[in-house]
């Protein structure tokens, strides 16, 4: 059968992955706050309840910890629940169930029991989301043994990694950055499962390795494009998974380039960027020509005012500036800034035609 390729947005790819899983496994159920709402979790669940019925796709009350416990029980009894939080922040109310039950059950019962549960969490940013609706908490979940944590960046990965997460017999935290939902990409519907394991080099280069997570991959690619204009060959690695983390791909890249930049949507302190750098220093320290660079969020809550919040979100501009300064590369950053980083809109809004509010 010929390989079929389609084009869709990231949100449509998530919808397609849910649709495929619901159609092909009667044990799959989708539950979450706003699932059957007309907005359908930013369009990712629209129409699914009408197609599969209220017994398989349904809303839930504002009781995150209790509903997570119910989903764990359902998973232990043969169902494959997909629990959805419209914000990753809401999952904090259910950490006891996630950490002490879902993550540990397989180990506590000597591998004889498993919890095939997927928890979709959406990372918010911008439009005045403030301290309680704009957090990026992947490091918390990656720290817990027994949890798989993935952060797909592109539509193709979003669909296929979601399908494989639903098939996984143990709990998976599936993180989506809100700014990725409208981005279009090509979907390869015939790629085998093995293609979605570990990190992926999405742009080869010889001088600098930029390791990025989730939305920061978009910023890294733009930074790489700008740096190539001044003669730097940049390799960009999309990590895709926070846990298990693919150290081997990163170390092989650093052995080639000798320079490492790690950029993440979460906070720098105790973040996944620190884990990547520690692994490189432990494994291929001799390959480093310069000390690694970390570019991530601040170690304080994000303010609501976009006039202040825009300084909390590093992007391509900060990547280029750090590379030129800390790697001691002879280039006029102020000239580059004037040419490529002039913005007339707030930095916490991805593009002019995006209306929000989420």
Protein backbone atom coordinates (compact mmCIF):
# COMPACT_ATOMS: atom_id res chain seq x y z
CA UNK A 1 0.00 0.00 0.00
CA UNK A 2 1.49 3.39 -0.94
CA UNK A 3 2.60 5.76 1.80
CA UNK A 4 -0.14 8.35 2.39
CA UNK A 5 0.78 11.87 3.44
CA UNK A 6 -1.55 14.66 4.47
CA UNK A 7 -1.15 18.21 5.75
CA UNK A 8 -2.80 19.41 8.94
CA UNK A 9 -2.32 21.70 11.89
CA UNK A 10 -0.88 20.42 15.14
CA UNK A 11 -4.35 20.61 16.76
CA UNK A 12 -5.89 18.67 13.86
CA UNK A 13 -3.15 16.06 14.22
CA UNK A 14 -4.06 15.60 17.90
CA UNK A 15 -7.72 15.27 16.90
CA UNK A 16 -6.79 12.70 14.26
CA UNK A 17 -4.77 10.69 16.78
CA UNK A 18 -7.69 10.62 19.21
CA UNK A 19 -10.13 9.70 16.43
CA UNK A 20 -7.87 6.87 15.24
CA UNK A 21 -7.47 5.47 18.75
CA UNK A 22 -11.18 5.65 19.58
CA UNK A 23 -12.06 3.93 16.32
CA UNK A 24 -9.53 1.13 16.61
CA UNK A 25 -9.82 0.30 20.33
CA UNK A 26 -13.18 0.18 22.08
CA UNK A 27 -11.41 0.42 25.44
CA UNK A 28 -10.21 3.97 24.73
CA UNK A 29 -12.21 6.72 26.45
CA UNK A 30 -11.65 10.49 26.48
CA UNK A 31 -12.48 12.57 29.54
CA UNK A 32 -11.70 16.12 30.57
CA UNK A 33 -12.97 19.57 31.46
CA UNK A 34 -14.49 20.98 28.29
CA UNK A 35 -14.09 17.89 26.08
CA UNK A 36 -17.60 18.13 24.54
CA UNK A 37 -17.61 21.94 24.69
CA UNK A 38 -18.15 23.73 21.34
CA UNK A 39 -14.50 24.83 21.42
CA UNK A 40 -13.45 21.22 21.99
CA UNK A 41 -10.15 21.80 23.82
CA UNK A 42 -8.89 24.17 21.11
CA UNK A 43 -10.48 21.97 18.45
CA UNK A 44 -8.64 18.79 19.44
CA UNK A 45 -11.80 16.97 20.64
CA UNK A 46 -14.46 18.63 18.46
CA UNK A 47 -17.13 16.22 17.22
CA UNK A 48 -15.72 13.17 18.97
CA UNK A 49 -18.59 12.83 21.43
CA UNK A 50 -21.13 12.98 18.59
CA UNK A 51 -19.21 10.28 16.71
CA UNK A 52 -18.44 7.90 19.59
CA UNK A 53 -21.15 8.68 22.13
CA UNK A 54 -21.39 10.01 25.67
CA UNK A 55 -20.14 6.73 27.13
CA UNK A 56 -16.71 7.17 25.56
CA UNK A 57 -16.17 10.93 25.22
CA UNK A 58 -17.39 13.10 28.07
CA UNK A 59 -16.91 16.10 30.33
CA UNK A 60 -15.78 15.87 33.93
CA UNK A 61 -16.46 17.94 37.05
CA UNK A 62 -13.90 20.33 38.52
CA UNK A 63 -12.46 17.60 40.71
CA UNK A 64 -9.08 16.81 39.21
CA UNK A 65 -7.68 14.58 41.94
CA UNK A 66 -10.82 12.45 42.21
CA UNK A 67 -11.22 12.11 38.45
CA UNK A 68 -7.57 11.11 38.07
CA UNK A 69 -8.13 8.39 40.66
CA UNK A 70 -11.19 7.19 38.75
CA UNK A 71 -9.18 7.08 35.52
CA UNK A 72 -6.44 5.09 37.25
CA UNK A 73 -9.04 2.61 38.48
CA UNK A 74 -10.53 2.40 35.00
CA UNK A 75 -7.08 1.75 33.52
CA UNK A 76 -6.43 -1.01 36.05
CA UNK A 77 -9.69 -2.64 34.94
CA UNK A 78 -9.05 -2.75 31.20
CA UNK A 79 -9.89 0.70 29.85
CA UNK A 80 -7.40 3.10 28.25
CA UNK A 81 -8.45 6.54 29.49
CA UNK A 82 -7.18 9.80 28.01
CA UNK A 83 -7.54 12.47 30.68
CA UNK A 84 -7.24 16.07 29.45
CA UNK A 85 -6.31 19.25 31.34
CA UNK A 86 -6.73 22.48 29.39
CA UNK A 87 -3.82 23.82 31.40
CA UNK A 88 -0.91 21.94 32.89
CA UNK A 89 -1.44 24.04 36.02
CA UNK A 90 -4.73 22.20 36.72
CA UNK A 91 -2.88 18.91 37.04
CA UNK A 92 -1.27 20.13 40.26
CA UNK A 93 -4.52 19.28 42.01
CA UNK A 94 -4.04 15.62 41.08
CA UNK A 95 -0.34 15.10 41.82
CA UNK A 96 -1.04 12.65 44.63
CA UNK A 97 -2.90 10.31 42.27
CA UNK A 98 -0.39 10.74 39.44
CA UNK A 99 2.76 10.32 41.53
CA UNK A 100 1.72 7.93 44.29
CA UNK A 101 -0.62 5.69 42.31
CA UNK A 102 -0.34 5.89 38.51
CA UNK A 103 3.45 6.08 38.41
CA UNK A 104 4.11 3.42 41.06
CA UNK A 105 1.46 0.76 40.50
CA UNK A 106 3.45 -1.29 37.97
CA UNK A 107 6.44 -1.45 40.34
CA UNK A 108 4.49 -2.01 43.54
CA UNK A 109 2.89 -5.14 42.09
CA UNK A 110 6.04 -6.60 40.54
CA UNK A 111 5.06 -5.78 36.97
CA UNK A 112 1.83 -7.79 37.15
CA UNK A 113 -0.36 -4.67 37.03
CA UNK A 114 -0.17 -1.65 34.77
CA UNK A 115 -1.90 1.71 34.34
CA UNK A 116 -2.42 2.46 30.63
CA UNK A 117 -3.35 6.11 31.19
CA UNK A 118 -2.54 9.14 29.03
CA UNK A 119 -2.82 12.59 30.59
CA UNK A 120 -2.82 15.40 28.05
CA UNK A 121 -1.70 18.70 29.55
CA UNK A 122 -1.59 21.96 27.62
CA UNK A 123 1.05 24.57 28.36
CA UNK A 124 -0.33 28.10 28.19
CA UNK A 125 1.49 31.31 27.52
CA UNK A 126 0.66 34.91 26.78
CA UNK A 127 -2.48 37.07 26.75
CA UNK A 128 -2.17 37.82 30.45
CA UNK A 129 -2.25 34.18 31.59
CA UNK A 130 -0.34 35.15 34.72
CA UNK A 131 1.42 33.06 37.37
CA UNK A 132 -1.21 30.28 37.62
CA UNK A 133 -1.94 29.58 33.94
CA UNK A 134 1.39 29.85 32.13
CA UNK A 135 3.65 27.35 33.87
CA UNK A 136 5.75 24.77 32.08
CA UNK A 137 6.15 21.96 34.60
CA UNK A 138 7.66 19.08 32.63
CA UNK A 139 10.60 18.80 35.05
CA UNK A 140 8.24 17.87 37.88
CA UNK A 141 6.82 14.91 35.98
CA UNK A 142 10.16 13.87 34.47
CA UNK A 143 11.54 13.57 37.99
CA UNK A 144 9.04 10.82 38.87
CA UNK A 145 10.09 7.21 38.12
CA UNK A 146 7.34 5.37 36.29
CA UNK A 147 6.11 8.29 34.19
CA UNK A 148 6.89 8.73 30.51
CA UNK A 149 6.85 12.41 29.52
CA UNK A 150 6.69 13.54 25.91
CA UNK A 151 6.57 17.00 24.29
CA UNK A 152 6.04 16.74 20.51
CA UNK A 153 6.78 19.86 18.48
CA UNK A 154 5.49 19.01 15.01
CA UNK A 155 2.10 17.79 13.78
CA UNK A 156 3.45 14.47 12.54
CA UNK A 157 4.99 13.67 15.91
CA UNK A 158 1.92 14.96 17.76
CA UNK A 159 -0.40 12.47 16.06
CA UNK A 160 1.85 9.44 16.08
CA UNK A 161 3.34 9.96 19.53
CA UNK A 162 -0.18 10.32 20.91
CA UNK A 163 -1.28 7.08 19.26
CA UNK A 164 1.73 5.24 20.70
CA UNK A 165 1.16 6.83 24.12
CA UNK A 166 -2.40 5.50 24.14
CA UNK A 167 -1.10 2.03 23.27
CA UNK A 168 1.49 2.20 26.06
CA UNK A 169 0.66 -0.03 29.02
CA UNK A 170 1.97 2.49 31.54
CA UNK A 171 1.16 6.15 32.28
CA UNK A 172 2.25 8.83 29.80
CA UNK A 173 2.23 12.58 30.39
CA UNK A 174 1.57 14.18 26.99
CA UNK A 175 2.46 17.88 26.92
CA UNK A 176 1.28 20.28 24.20
CA UNK A 177 2.39 23.90 23.95
CA UNK A 178 -0.59 26.07 23.04
CA UNK A 179 1.38 28.06 20.45
CA UNK A 180 2.01 24.89 18.46
CA UNK A 181 -1.68 24.11 17.85
CA UNK A 182 -2.12 26.33 14.73
CA UNK A 183 1.17 25.33 13.05
CA UNK A 184 0.73 23.21 9.93
CA UNK A 185 2.85 20.21 9.03
CA UNK A 186 2.94 17.12 6.87
CA UNK A 187 1.57 13.91 8.41
CA UNK A 188 3.17 10.62 7.40
CA UNK A 189 0.51 8.08 8.33
CA UNK A 190 2.69 5.03 7.65
CA UNK A 191 5.78 5.75 9.78
CA UNK A 192 6.58 2.86 12.12
CA UNK A 193 6.52 3.21 15.90
CA UNK A 194 10.32 3.09 16.14
CA UNK A 195 10.55 6.42 14.32
CA UNK A 196 8.94 8.18 17.28
CA UNK A 197 11.35 7.06 19.97
CA UNK A 198 13.97 9.43 21.31
CA UNK A 199 15.29 12.74 20.00
CA UNK A 200 15.49 13.76 16.36
CA UNK A 201 18.01 15.92 14.52
CA UNK A 202 15.75 18.18 12.48
CA UNK A 203 18.50 20.38 11.07
CA UNK A 204 22.09 19.16 10.66
CA UNK A 205 25.04 21.44 11.34
CA UNK A 206 28.73 21.43 12.18
CA UNK A 207 29.54 24.37 14.48
CA UNK A 208 26.91 24.53 17.25
CA UNK A 209 24.34 22.13 18.71
CA UNK A 210 21.05 23.60 19.88
CA UNK A 211 19.01 21.15 21.93
CA UNK A 212 15.40 22.28 22.29
CA UNK A 213 12.14 21.15 23.85
CA UNK A 214 8.61 21.76 22.55
CA UNK A 215 7.92 25.30 21.29
CA UNK A 216 11.55 26.31 21.79
CA UNK A 217 12.37 24.12 18.77
CA UNK A 218 10.56 26.72 16.64
CA UNK A 219 12.67 29.49 18.17
CA UNK A 220 15.84 27.42 17.78
CA UNK A 221 15.19 26.88 14.07
CA UNK A 222 14.71 30.62 13.54
CA UNK A 223 17.89 31.37 15.49
CA UNK A 224 19.78 28.79 13.41
CA UNK A 225 18.53 30.41 10.19
CA UNK A 226 19.80 33.81 11.32
CA UNK A 227 23.16 32.49 12.48
CA UNK A 228 23.72 30.78 9.15
CA UNK A 229 23.57 34.23 7.53
CA UNK A 230 26.75 35.10 9.42
CA UNK A 231 28.48 31.85 8.56
CA UNK A 232 27.60 29.56 11.48
CA UNK A 233 26.44 26.01 10.82
CA UNK A 234 23.90 25.10 13.50
CA UNK A 235 22.51 21.66 14.33
CA UNK A 236 19.05 21.61 15.95
CA UNK A 237 17.91 18.64 18.03
CA UNK A 238 14.21 18.25 18.85
CA UNK A 239 14.25 16.21 22.07
CA UNK A 240 10.56 15.12 21.82
CA UNK A 241 10.78 13.18 25.10
CA UNK A 242 11.68 14.56 28.52
CA UNK A 243 11.53 11.08 30.06
CA UNK A 244 13.08 8.83 28.96
CA UNK A 245 15.55 11.40 27.69
CA UNK A 246 17.77 10.61 24.71
CA UNK A 247 21.27 11.49 25.91
CA UNK A 248 23.00 9.53 23.16
CA UNK A 249 21.74 11.69 20.28
CA UNK A 250 22.75 14.87 22.12
CA UNK A 251 26.23 13.58 22.96
CA UNK A 252 26.88 12.44 19.40
CA UNK A 253 25.93 15.90 18.14
CA UNK A 254 28.16 17.65 20.68
CA UNK A 255 31.08 15.42 19.74
CA UNK A 256 30.67 16.77 16.22
CA UNK A 257 30.11 20.48 16.99
CA UNK A 258 31.90 21.04 20.31
CA UNK A 259 29.41 23.73 21.36
CA UNK A 260 26.10 23.20 23.16
CA UNK A 261 23.04 25.37 23.73
CA UNK A 262 20.02 23.92 25.56
CA UNK A 263 16.73 25.78 25.49
CA UNK A 264 13.54 24.84 27.31
CA UNK A 265 10.08 26.27 27.98
CA UNK A 266 10.39 25.66 31.73
CA UNK A 267 12.46 27.36 34.40
CA UNK A 268 16.24 27.08 34.25
CA UNK A 269 16.72 26.10 37.91
CA UNK A 270 16.44 22.31 38.35
CA UNK A 271 15.04 22.13 34.81
CA UNK A 272 15.49 19.61 32.03
CA UNK A 273 18.09 21.88 30.43
CA UNK A 274 20.32 21.27 33.44
CA UNK A 275 19.85 17.51 33.05
CA UNK A 276 20.96 17.62 29.41
CA UNK A 277 24.05 19.67 30.22
CA UNK A 278 24.97 17.42 33.16
CA UNK A 279 24.77 14.38 30.90
CA UNK A 280 27.03 15.99 28.30
CA UNK A 281 29.56 17.01 30.93
CA UNK A 282 29.56 13.50 32.37
CA UNK A 283 29.71 11.74 29.01
CA UNK A 284 31.61 13.86 26.47
CA UNK A 285 33.17 16.70 28.46
CA UNK A 286 36.35 16.44 26.41
CA UNK A 287 34.41 17.34 23.26
CA UNK A 288 33.29 20.74 24.56
CA UNK A 289 35.21 23.70 23.14
CA UNK A 290 33.26 26.19 25.26
CA UNK A 291 31.08 25.94 28.39
CA UNK A 292 27.47 24.98 27.56
CA UNK A 293 24.71 27.60 27.50
CA UNK A 294 21.30 27.29 29.15
CA UNK A 295 18.38 29.38 27.86
CA UNK A 296 15.13 28.86 29.73
CA UNK A 297 12.48 30.61 31.79
CA UNK A 298 13.08 32.77 34.85
CA UNK A 299 13.12 31.50 38.41
CA UNK A 300 10.04 33.48 39.42
CA UNK A 301 6.32 33.42 38.55
CA UNK A 302 5.27 34.92 35.21
CA UNK A 303 3.54 38.31 35.69
CA UNK A 304 0.14 38.96 34.16
CA UNK A 305 1.06 42.24 32.45
CA UNK A 306 2.41 41.59 28.96
CA UNK A 307 4.60 44.71 29.32
CA UNK A 308 6.55 42.82 31.99
CA UNK A 309 5.89 39.21 30.93
CA UNK A 310 7.55 39.63 27.54
CA UNK A 311 10.92 39.74 29.31
CA UNK A 312 10.25 36.30 30.82
CA UNK A 313 10.03 34.41 27.53
CA UNK A 314 13.38 33.74 25.84
CA UNK A 315 13.32 33.16 22.11
CA UNK A 316 15.48 33.26 18.99
CA UNK A 317 16.85 36.69 19.86
CA UNK A 318 18.14 35.50 23.24
CA UNK A 319 19.60 32.37 21.64
CA UNK A 320 21.55 34.35 19.04
CA UNK A 321 22.74 36.91 21.59
CA UNK A 322 23.97 34.22 24.00
CA UNK A 323 25.77 32.29 21.26
CA UNK A 324 27.60 35.34 19.94
CA UNK A 325 28.56 36.56 23.41
CA UNK A 326 29.41 33.38 25.31
CA UNK A 327 31.02 31.58 22.39
CA UNK A 328 32.98 34.77 21.60
CA UNK A 329 31.90 34.98 17.96
CA UNK A 330 32.83 38.16 16.13
CA UNK A 331 29.51 39.58 14.91
CA UNK A 332 27.52 42.78 15.45
CA UNK A 333 24.52 41.65 17.50
CA UNK A 334 22.87 45.08 17.54
CA UNK A 335 22.88 45.12 13.74
CA UNK A 336 21.42 41.59 13.67
CA UNK A 337 18.79 42.62 16.20
CA UNK A 338 17.68 45.61 14.15
CA UNK A 339 17.48 43.49 11.02
CA UNK A 340 15.72 40.38 12.32
CA UNK A 341 14.13 41.04 15.72
CA UNK A 342 12.00 44.15 15.35
CA UNK A 343 8.56 43.37 16.83
CA UNK A 344 5.57 45.69 16.87
CA UNK A 345 3.33 43.39 18.93
CA UNK A 346 3.74 42.08 22.51
CA UNK A 347 6.20 39.24 22.80
CA UNK A 348 3.64 37.06 24.56
CA UNK A 349 1.48 36.87 21.42
CA UNK A 350 2.75 34.49 18.72
CA UNK A 351 1.49 36.37 15.65
CA UNK A 352 -0.87 39.18 14.70
CA UNK A 353 -3.79 37.09 13.46
CA UNK A 354 -3.98 34.92 16.58
CA UNK A 355 -6.80 36.22 18.77
CA UNK A 356 -6.48 34.01 21.85
CA UNK A 357 -7.65 34.16 24.54
CA UNK A 358 -5.72 30.99 25.33
